[in-house]
Amino acid sequence: MKGESIVGSKNKKYGTGTAAGKFEDWKEIESRKNVDNMRFTVRNDYAFKKLFGRTENIIILREFLSVVLELGKEELKDIVIENPAVGNYYADEKQGILDIKLTLPNGQKVNIEMQNLWEPHYEKRTYFYWASRYLEKFKPGKAYKYLARCVSIHILGEEFPLTEELHSIYRVMNVKTFQPFSDDLEFHFLDLTKLKSKQDDSELEQWLKFIETNDKAVREELGRRNAVMQYANEVMNQFYADRQERLNYEAAVRYESDRATLWEAGVDKGILIGEKRGEKRGEKRGLQRGQKQGHAQAMLQTARNMKARNFDAETIREITGLTAEQIAEL
């Protein structure tokens, strides 16, 4: 299969002979020129779910999971995407895409998330979403044995601060003997910032480069080495050639930028307020206390900014750590 195209291209006939037809032809040609010159990345929330979260692209998801989880293709033959991407679901730029949920043939649950912003309390957020997924569809009165193993895969666009590894895996085990307690919980963190340029990169590194890069030439080179990646590249090119899809992509970019800007603005303002209060008191512990208060002020300010921009309460809670009651009072 190496080097062969998995999908065919669609040919379009031009030249209707009318002035309107010629104008449409010209617009199409100019649009294609613009697309050829555009730089885009699979790290984008919308693009990521379009590529990995659509049923018709299951071959791409299967290949990626096989590499990350080190499972054979047969074990992933009949995976089911529980929340497939359908239509233009990002038309509202305030709608976030949390993850891709899927179930393996053996009942095991897997979540895949593309996270470009390392948020405060991300570790707790990881536990929270894992626990919600673990208990999903588990009805009162059922025996515990029916709880299925749940794996969370987090692809990070910002540095994962807990390790220098590109791919780190966390499970529950005895801290002295390293005896596993249970394999029901498993977290994978894939840090795109730790990718290095080298010729002998592994399959996992190739996939992460494909996701991380915004360079069309890099994706094409990776596609020449892997037939499924070539297919993924063709899917991305067709996706980005569609004007409406580009608008949805750009909406996702704005959403990410808004989150990052609101967070940084709130932190900066809160720290400044805290430091001023600490200095004014003139106490020995004034700065420490001021910084602590500043952090609280930062979260409140960030929440106010987000609320003014009509972000939903759940998103505000995730980013700031405030309670629903605190958010409602703002």
Protein backbone atom coordinates (compact mmCIF):
# COMPACT_ATOMS: atom_id res chain seq x y z
CA MET A 1 0.00 0.00 0.00
CA LYS A 2 2.95 2.32 0.50
CA GLY A 3 2.88 5.31 -1.79
CA GLU A 4 -0.59 4.45 -3.16
CA SER A 5 -3.53 6.81 -2.82
CA ILE A 6 -6.47 5.49 -0.83
CA VAL A 7 -8.92 8.10 -2.09
CA GLY A 8 -9.38 9.45 -5.59
CA SER A 9 -9.59 13.07 -6.64
CA LYS A 10 -12.69 14.67 -8.08
CA ASN A 11 -12.33 16.40 -11.46
CA LYS A 12 -14.39 19.48 -12.20
CA LYS A 13 -15.13 20.76 -15.70
CA TYR A 14 -14.69 24.46 -16.28
CA GLY A 15 -15.86 26.86 -18.97
CA THR A 16 -19.60 27.23 -19.23
CA GLY A 17 -19.22 29.81 -21.99
CA THR A 18 -21.26 32.47 -20.15
CA ALA A 19 -19.83 35.53 -18.37
CA ALA A 20 -21.22 34.27 -15.06
CA GLY A 21 -19.72 30.85 -15.68
CA LYS A 22 -16.30 32.30 -16.46
CA PHE A 23 -16.46 34.42 -13.32
CA GLU A 24 -17.27 31.34 -11.23
CA ASP A 25 -14.37 29.49 -12.87
CA TRP A 26 -12.05 32.37 -12.03
CA LYS A 27 -13.24 32.42 -8.40
CA GLU A 28 -12.67 28.67 -8.12
CA ILE A 29 -9.14 28.95 -9.54
CA GLU A 30 -8.26 31.87 -7.25
CA SER A 31 -9.70 30.00 -4.27
CA ARG A 32 -7.52 26.97 -5.05
CA LYS A 33 -4.46 29.22 -5.34
CA ASN A 34 -5.22 30.69 -1.93
CA VAL A 35 -5.66 27.23 -0.42
CA ASP A 36 -2.32 26.10 -1.83
CA ASN A 37 -0.67 29.03 -0.07
CA MET A 38 -2.52 28.63 3.24
CA ARG A 39 -0.90 27.04 6.27
CA PHE A 40 -3.15 25.01 8.52
CA THR A 41 -2.70 22.39 11.22
CA VAL A 42 -4.51 19.35 12.59
CA ARG A 43 -3.91 20.83 16.08
CA ASN A 44 -6.95 22.99 15.38
CA ASP A 45 -9.91 21.60 17.37
CA TYR A 46 -12.23 21.54 14.39
CA ALA A 47 -9.72 20.02 11.97
CA PHE A 48 -8.69 17.41 14.54
CA LYS A 49 -12.19 16.10 15.04
CA LYS A 50 -12.93 16.26 11.32
CA LEU A 51 -9.92 14.05 10.64
CA PHE A 52 -10.11 11.59 13.54
CA GLY A 53 -13.76 11.84 14.60
CA ARG A 54 -15.65 10.98 11.41
CA THR A 55 -16.89 7.46 10.73
CA GLU A 56 -15.73 7.58 7.11
CA ASN A 57 -12.17 8.25 8.34
CA ILE A 58 -12.13 5.32 10.77
CA ILE A 59 -9.03 3.90 9.06
CA ILE A 60 -7.06 6.99 10.17
CA LEU A 61 -8.27 6.72 13.76
CA ARG A 62 -7.54 2.98 13.84
CA GLU A 63 -3.97 3.49 12.60
CA PHE A 64 -3.28 6.25 15.14
CA LEU A 65 -4.72 4.26 18.06
CA SER A 66 -2.74 1.19 17.06
CA VAL A 67 0.48 3.19 17.39
CA VAL A 68 -0.39 5.01 20.64
CA LEU A 69 -1.87 2.02 22.51
CA GLU A 70 0.43 -0.56 20.87
CA LEU A 71 -2.52 -2.72 19.84
CA GLY A 72 -2.85 -4.89 16.76
CA LYS A 73 -5.09 -3.74 13.92
CA GLU A 74 -7.39 -6.74 14.48
CA GLU A 75 -8.08 -5.58 18.05
CA LEU A 76 -9.27 -2.26 16.62
CA LYS A 77 -11.21 -3.66 13.69
CA ASP A 78 -14.70 -2.85 14.97
CA ILE A 79 -14.19 0.31 17.03
CA VAL A 80 -17.23 2.56 17.39
CA ILE A 81 -17.08 6.37 17.52
CA GLU A 82 -19.78 7.33 20.02
CA ASN A 83 -19.88 11.04 19.14
CA PRO A 84 -18.96 11.21 15.44
CA ALA A 85 -18.40 14.61 13.84
CA VAL A 86 -21.39 15.39 11.65
CA GLY A 87 -21.98 18.56 9.64
CA ASN A 88 -20.80 22.05 10.54
CA TYR A 89 -20.94 21.61 14.30
CA TYR A 90 -18.50 24.47 14.93
CA ALA A 91 -20.61 27.19 13.31
CA ASP A 92 -20.98 28.73 16.78
CA GLU A 93 -17.41 29.62 17.74
CA LYS A 94 -18.26 29.49 21.46
CA GLN A 95 -18.91 25.74 21.21
CA GLY A 96 -15.91 23.75 22.38
CA ILE A 97 -14.96 20.27 21.28
CA LEU A 98 -13.90 18.35 24.33
CA ASP A 99 -12.94 14.97 22.92
CA ILE A 100 -13.57 12.00 20.68
CA LYS A 101 -15.29 9.14 22.50
CA LEU A 102 -14.98 5.61 21.22
CA THR A 103 -15.48 2.03 22.31
CA LEU A 104 -13.25 -0.91 21.39
CA PRO A 105 -14.66 -4.35 20.49
CA ASN A 106 -13.85 -5.64 24.00
CA GLY A 107 -15.93 -2.85 25.59
CA GLN A 108 -12.95 -0.74 26.60
CA LYS A 109 -13.62 3.02 26.49
CA VAL A 110 -11.17 5.49 24.97
CA ASN A 111 -11.21 9.29 24.97
CA ILE A 112 -8.96 11.35 22.69
CA GLU A 113 -8.50 15.06 23.33
CA MET A 114 -6.53 17.74 21.49
CA GLN A 115 -5.57 20.37 24.09
CA ASN A 116 -3.68 23.44 22.90
CA LEU A 117 -3.79 25.36 26.20
CA TRP A 118 -2.37 23.96 29.44
CA GLU A 119 -5.03 25.17 31.85
CA PRO A 120 -4.76 25.47 35.64
CA HIS A 121 -5.91 22.34 37.48
CA TYR A 122 -5.56 20.31 34.28
CA GLU A 123 -4.58 17.24 36.31
CA LYS A 124 -7.84 17.39 38.28
CA ARG A 125 -9.76 18.08 35.10
CA THR A 126 -8.23 14.91 33.64
CA TYR A 127 -9.45 12.86 36.61
CA PHE A 128 -12.89 14.46 36.47
CA TYR A 129 -13.48 13.66 32.81
CA TRP A 130 -12.04 10.17 33.19
CA ALA A 131 -14.40 9.49 36.13
CA SER A 132 -17.40 10.82 34.18
CA ARG A 133 -16.53 8.58 31.27
CA TYR A 134 -15.85 5.57 33.52
CA LEU A 135 -19.33 5.84 35.05
CA GLU A 136 -21.06 6.63 31.77
CA LYS A 137 -23.98 4.24 31.09
CA PHE A 138 -23.38 2.49 34.44
CA LYS A 139 -26.84 2.25 35.96
CA PRO A 140 -27.65 1.95 39.69
CA GLY A 141 -27.95 -1.67 40.74
CA LYS A 142 -25.44 -3.02 38.23
CA ALA A 143 -22.51 -5.10 39.49
CA TYR A 144 -19.11 -3.36 39.58
CA LYS A 145 -17.64 -5.99 37.29
CA TYR A 146 -19.46 -4.31 34.40
CA LEU A 147 -17.37 -1.14 34.75
CA ALA A 148 -15.14 -1.09 31.67
CA ARG A 149 -11.51 -0.06 31.43
CA CYS A 150 -11.21 3.60 30.42
CA VAL A 151 -8.20 5.16 28.69
CA SER A 152 -7.71 8.90 28.16
CA ILE A 153 -5.35 10.13 25.45
CA HIS A 154 -4.33 13.79 25.69
CA ILE A 155 -2.44 15.42 22.81
CA LEU A 156 -0.89 18.62 24.15
CA GLY A 157 0.06 21.71 22.16
CA GLU A 158 1.68 23.30 25.23
CA GLU A 159 4.43 21.75 27.35
CA PHE A 160 3.43 18.96 29.73
CA PRO A 161 5.28 20.08 32.89
CA LEU A 162 5.44 16.76 34.74
CA THR A 163 7.97 14.94 32.55
CA GLU A 164 10.49 15.35 29.74
CA GLU A 165 9.03 12.40 27.83
CA LEU A 166 7.27 12.78 24.52
CA HIS A 167 4.79 10.03 25.45
CA SER A 168 4.07 9.46 29.14
CA ILE A 169 1.65 6.85 30.50
CA TYR A 170 0.08 6.91 33.98
CA ARG A 171 -1.62 4.06 35.83
CA VAL A 172 -2.45 3.19 39.47
CA MET A 173 0.14 1.00 41.21
CA ASN A 174 1.91 0.27 44.50
CA VAL A 175 4.59 2.96 44.99
CA LYS A 176 7.06 0.47 46.53
CA THR A 177 6.63 -2.68 44.48
CA PHE A 178 5.13 -1.12 41.32
CA GLN A 179 2.48 -3.83 41.44
CA PRO A 180 -0.50 -2.59 39.39
CA PHE A 181 -3.67 -2.00 41.40
CA SER A 182 -5.93 -2.18 38.36
CA ASP A 183 -5.60 -1.38 34.67
CA ASP A 184 -9.01 0.32 34.57
CA LEU A 185 -7.40 3.77 34.71
CA GLU A 186 -4.82 4.81 32.13
CA PHE A 187 -3.75 8.29 31.01
CA HIS A 188 -1.59 8.99 27.95
CA PHE A 189 0.00 12.42 27.47
CA LEU A 190 1.54 13.16 24.06
CA ASP A 191 3.56 16.39 24.23
CA LEU A 192 3.93 17.97 20.78
CA THR A 193 6.44 20.51 22.13
CA LYS A 194 8.94 17.69 22.75
CA LEU A 195 9.07 16.53 19.12
CA LYS A 196 12.57 16.60 17.63
CA SER A 197 13.71 16.70 14.01
CA LYS A 198 15.38 13.44 13.03
CA GLN A 199 15.39 10.97 10.16
CA ASP A 200 14.81 7.74 12.08
CA ASP A 201 11.61 8.83 13.83
CA SER A 202 9.16 6.21 15.07
CA GLU A 203 5.62 5.71 13.76
CA LEU A 204 4.28 7.58 16.78
CA GLU A 205 6.63 10.51 16.15
CA GLN A 206 5.53 10.60 12.51
CA TRP A 207 1.87 10.83 13.48
CA LEU A 208 2.55 13.53 16.05
CA LYS A 209 4.53 15.51 13.47
CA PHE A 210 1.59 15.17 11.10
CA ILE A 211 -0.72 16.61 13.77
CA GLU A 212 1.69 19.33 14.94
CA THR A 213 2.93 20.81 11.65
CA ASN A 214 1.29 23.61 9.68
CA ASP A 215 3.56 22.92 6.70
CA LYS A 216 1.90 21.20 3.74
CA ALA A 217 5.27 19.92 2.47
CA VAL A 218 5.95 18.14 5.78
CA ARG A 219 2.58 16.35 5.63
CA GLU A 220 3.23 15.34 2.02
CA GLU A 221 6.64 13.92 2.93
CA LEU A 222 5.11 11.94 5.81
CA GLY A 223 2.42 10.70 3.43
CA ARG A 224 5.06 9.29 1.09
CA ARG A 225 6.26 7.10 3.96
CA ASN A 226 2.84 5.89 5.13
CA ALA A 227 -0.21 5.17 2.96
CA VAL A 228 -2.75 5.93 5.69
CA MET A 229 -1.02 9.22 6.41
CA GLN A 230 -1.18 10.01 2.69
CA TYR A 231 -4.93 9.41 2.85
CA ALA A 232 -5.14 11.65 5.94
CA ASN A 233 -3.28 14.38 4.05
CA GLU A 234 -5.70 14.14 1.12
CA VAL A 235 -8.64 14.34 3.53
CA MET A 236 -7.14 17.49 5.07
CA ASN A 237 -6.51 19.10 1.68
CA GLN A 238 -10.08 18.40 0.55
CA PHE A 239 -11.38 19.68 3.87
CA TYR A 240 -9.46 22.95 3.65
CA ALA A 241 -10.42 23.51 0.00
CA ASP A 242 -14.03 23.95 1.16
CA ARG A 243 -14.83 27.57 2.01
CA GLN A 244 -17.34 26.75 4.77
CA GLU A 245 -14.89 24.34 6.37
CA ARG A 246 -12.23 27.07 6.37
CA LEU A 247 -14.68 29.40 8.13
CA ASN A 248 -15.31 26.74 10.77
CA TYR A 249 -11.56 26.20 11.12
CA GLU A 250 -11.05 29.94 11.64
CA ALA A 251 -13.87 30.02 14.21
CA ALA A 252 -12.01 27.35 16.18
CA VAL A 253 -8.81 29.44 15.95
CA ARG A 254 -10.65 32.48 17.36
CA TYR A 255 -12.14 30.38 20.14
CA GLU A 256 -8.71 29.12 21.21
CA SER A 257 -7.24 32.64 21.00
CA ASP A 258 -10.08 34.07 23.08
CA ARG A 259 -9.53 31.48 25.80
CA ALA A 260 -5.78 32.11 25.91
CA THR A 261 -6.17 35.91 25.85
CA LEU A 262 -8.84 35.97 28.55
CA TRP A 263 -6.78 33.71 30.77
CA GLU A 264 -3.57 35.74 30.41
CA ALA A 265 -5.36 39.07 30.82
CA GLY A 266 -7.06 37.87 33.99
CA VAL A 267 -3.81 36.54 35.47
CA ASP A 268 -1.86 39.72 34.67
CA LYS A 269 -4.51 41.99 36.15
CA GLY A 270 -5.04 39.82 39.21
CA ILE A 271 -1.33 39.60 40.05
CA LEU A 272 -0.98 43.37 39.70
CA ILE A 273 -3.91 43.95 42.08
CA GLY A 274 -2.49 41.43 44.55
CA GLU A 275 1.01 42.92 44.52
CA LYS A 276 -0.34 46.43 45.09
CA ARG A 277 -2.38 45.26 48.06
CA GLY A 278 0.62 43.44 49.47
CA GLU A 279 2.84 46.52 49.14
CA LYS A 280 0.21 48.80 50.68
CA ARG A 281 -0.08 46.67 53.81
CA GLY A 282 3.67 46.77 54.24
CA GLU A 283 3.60 43.42 55.98
CA LYS A 284 6.40 40.91 55.79
CA ARG A 285 4.03 38.42 54.20
CA GLY A 286 2.21 41.02 52.20
CA LEU A 287 3.59 39.98 48.83
CA GLN A 288 2.78 36.31 49.32
CA ARG A 289 -0.69 37.13 50.54
CA GLY A 290 -1.10 39.64 47.76
CA GLN A 291 -0.10 37.13 45.12
CA LYS A 292 -2.58 34.63 46.53
CA GLN A 293 -5.33 37.22 46.48
CA GLY A 294 -4.14 38.26 43.06
CA HIS A 295 -4.65 34.76 41.74
CA ALA A 296 -8.21 34.78 43.10
CA GLN A 297 -8.78 38.19 41.51
CA ALA A 298 -7.32 36.84 38.27
CA MET A 299 -9.83 34.02 38.18
CA LEU A 300 -12.71 36.39 38.90
CA GLN A 301 -11.57 38.83 36.22
CA THR A 302 -11.13 36.03 33.70
CA ALA A 303 -14.62 34.76 34.52
CA ARG A 304 -16.10 38.25 34.08
CA ASN A 305 -14.40 38.61 30.70
CA MET A 306 -15.60 35.20 29.56
CA LYS A 307 -19.14 35.85 30.81
CA ALA A 308 -19.20 39.15 28.90
CA ARG A 309 -18.31 37.20 25.76
CA ASN A 310 -21.14 34.71 26.39
CA PHE A 311 -18.97 31.68 27.20
CA ASP A 312 -21.03 28.95 28.86
CA ALA A 313 -20.75 28.40 32.63
CA GLU A 314 -19.13 24.96 32.26
CA THR A 315 -16.27 26.35 30.13
CA ILE A 316 -15.77 29.24 32.59
CA ARG A 317 -15.67 26.76 35.47
CA GLU A 318 -13.09 24.56 33.73
CA ILE A 319 -10.72 27.46 33.02
CA THR A 320 -11.05 29.45 36.27
CA GLY A 321 -11.83 26.78 38.86
CA LEU A 322 -14.69 28.92 40.22
CA THR A 323 -17.88 27.29 41.45
CA ALA A 324 -21.17 27.58 39.59
CA GLU A 325 -22.45 29.82 42.42
CA GLN A 326 -19.47 32.19 42.12
CA ILE A 327 -19.94 32.42 38.35
CA ALA A 328 -23.68 33.12 38.72
CA GLU A 329 -22.97 35.99 41.13
CA LEU A 330 -20.67 37.83 38.68
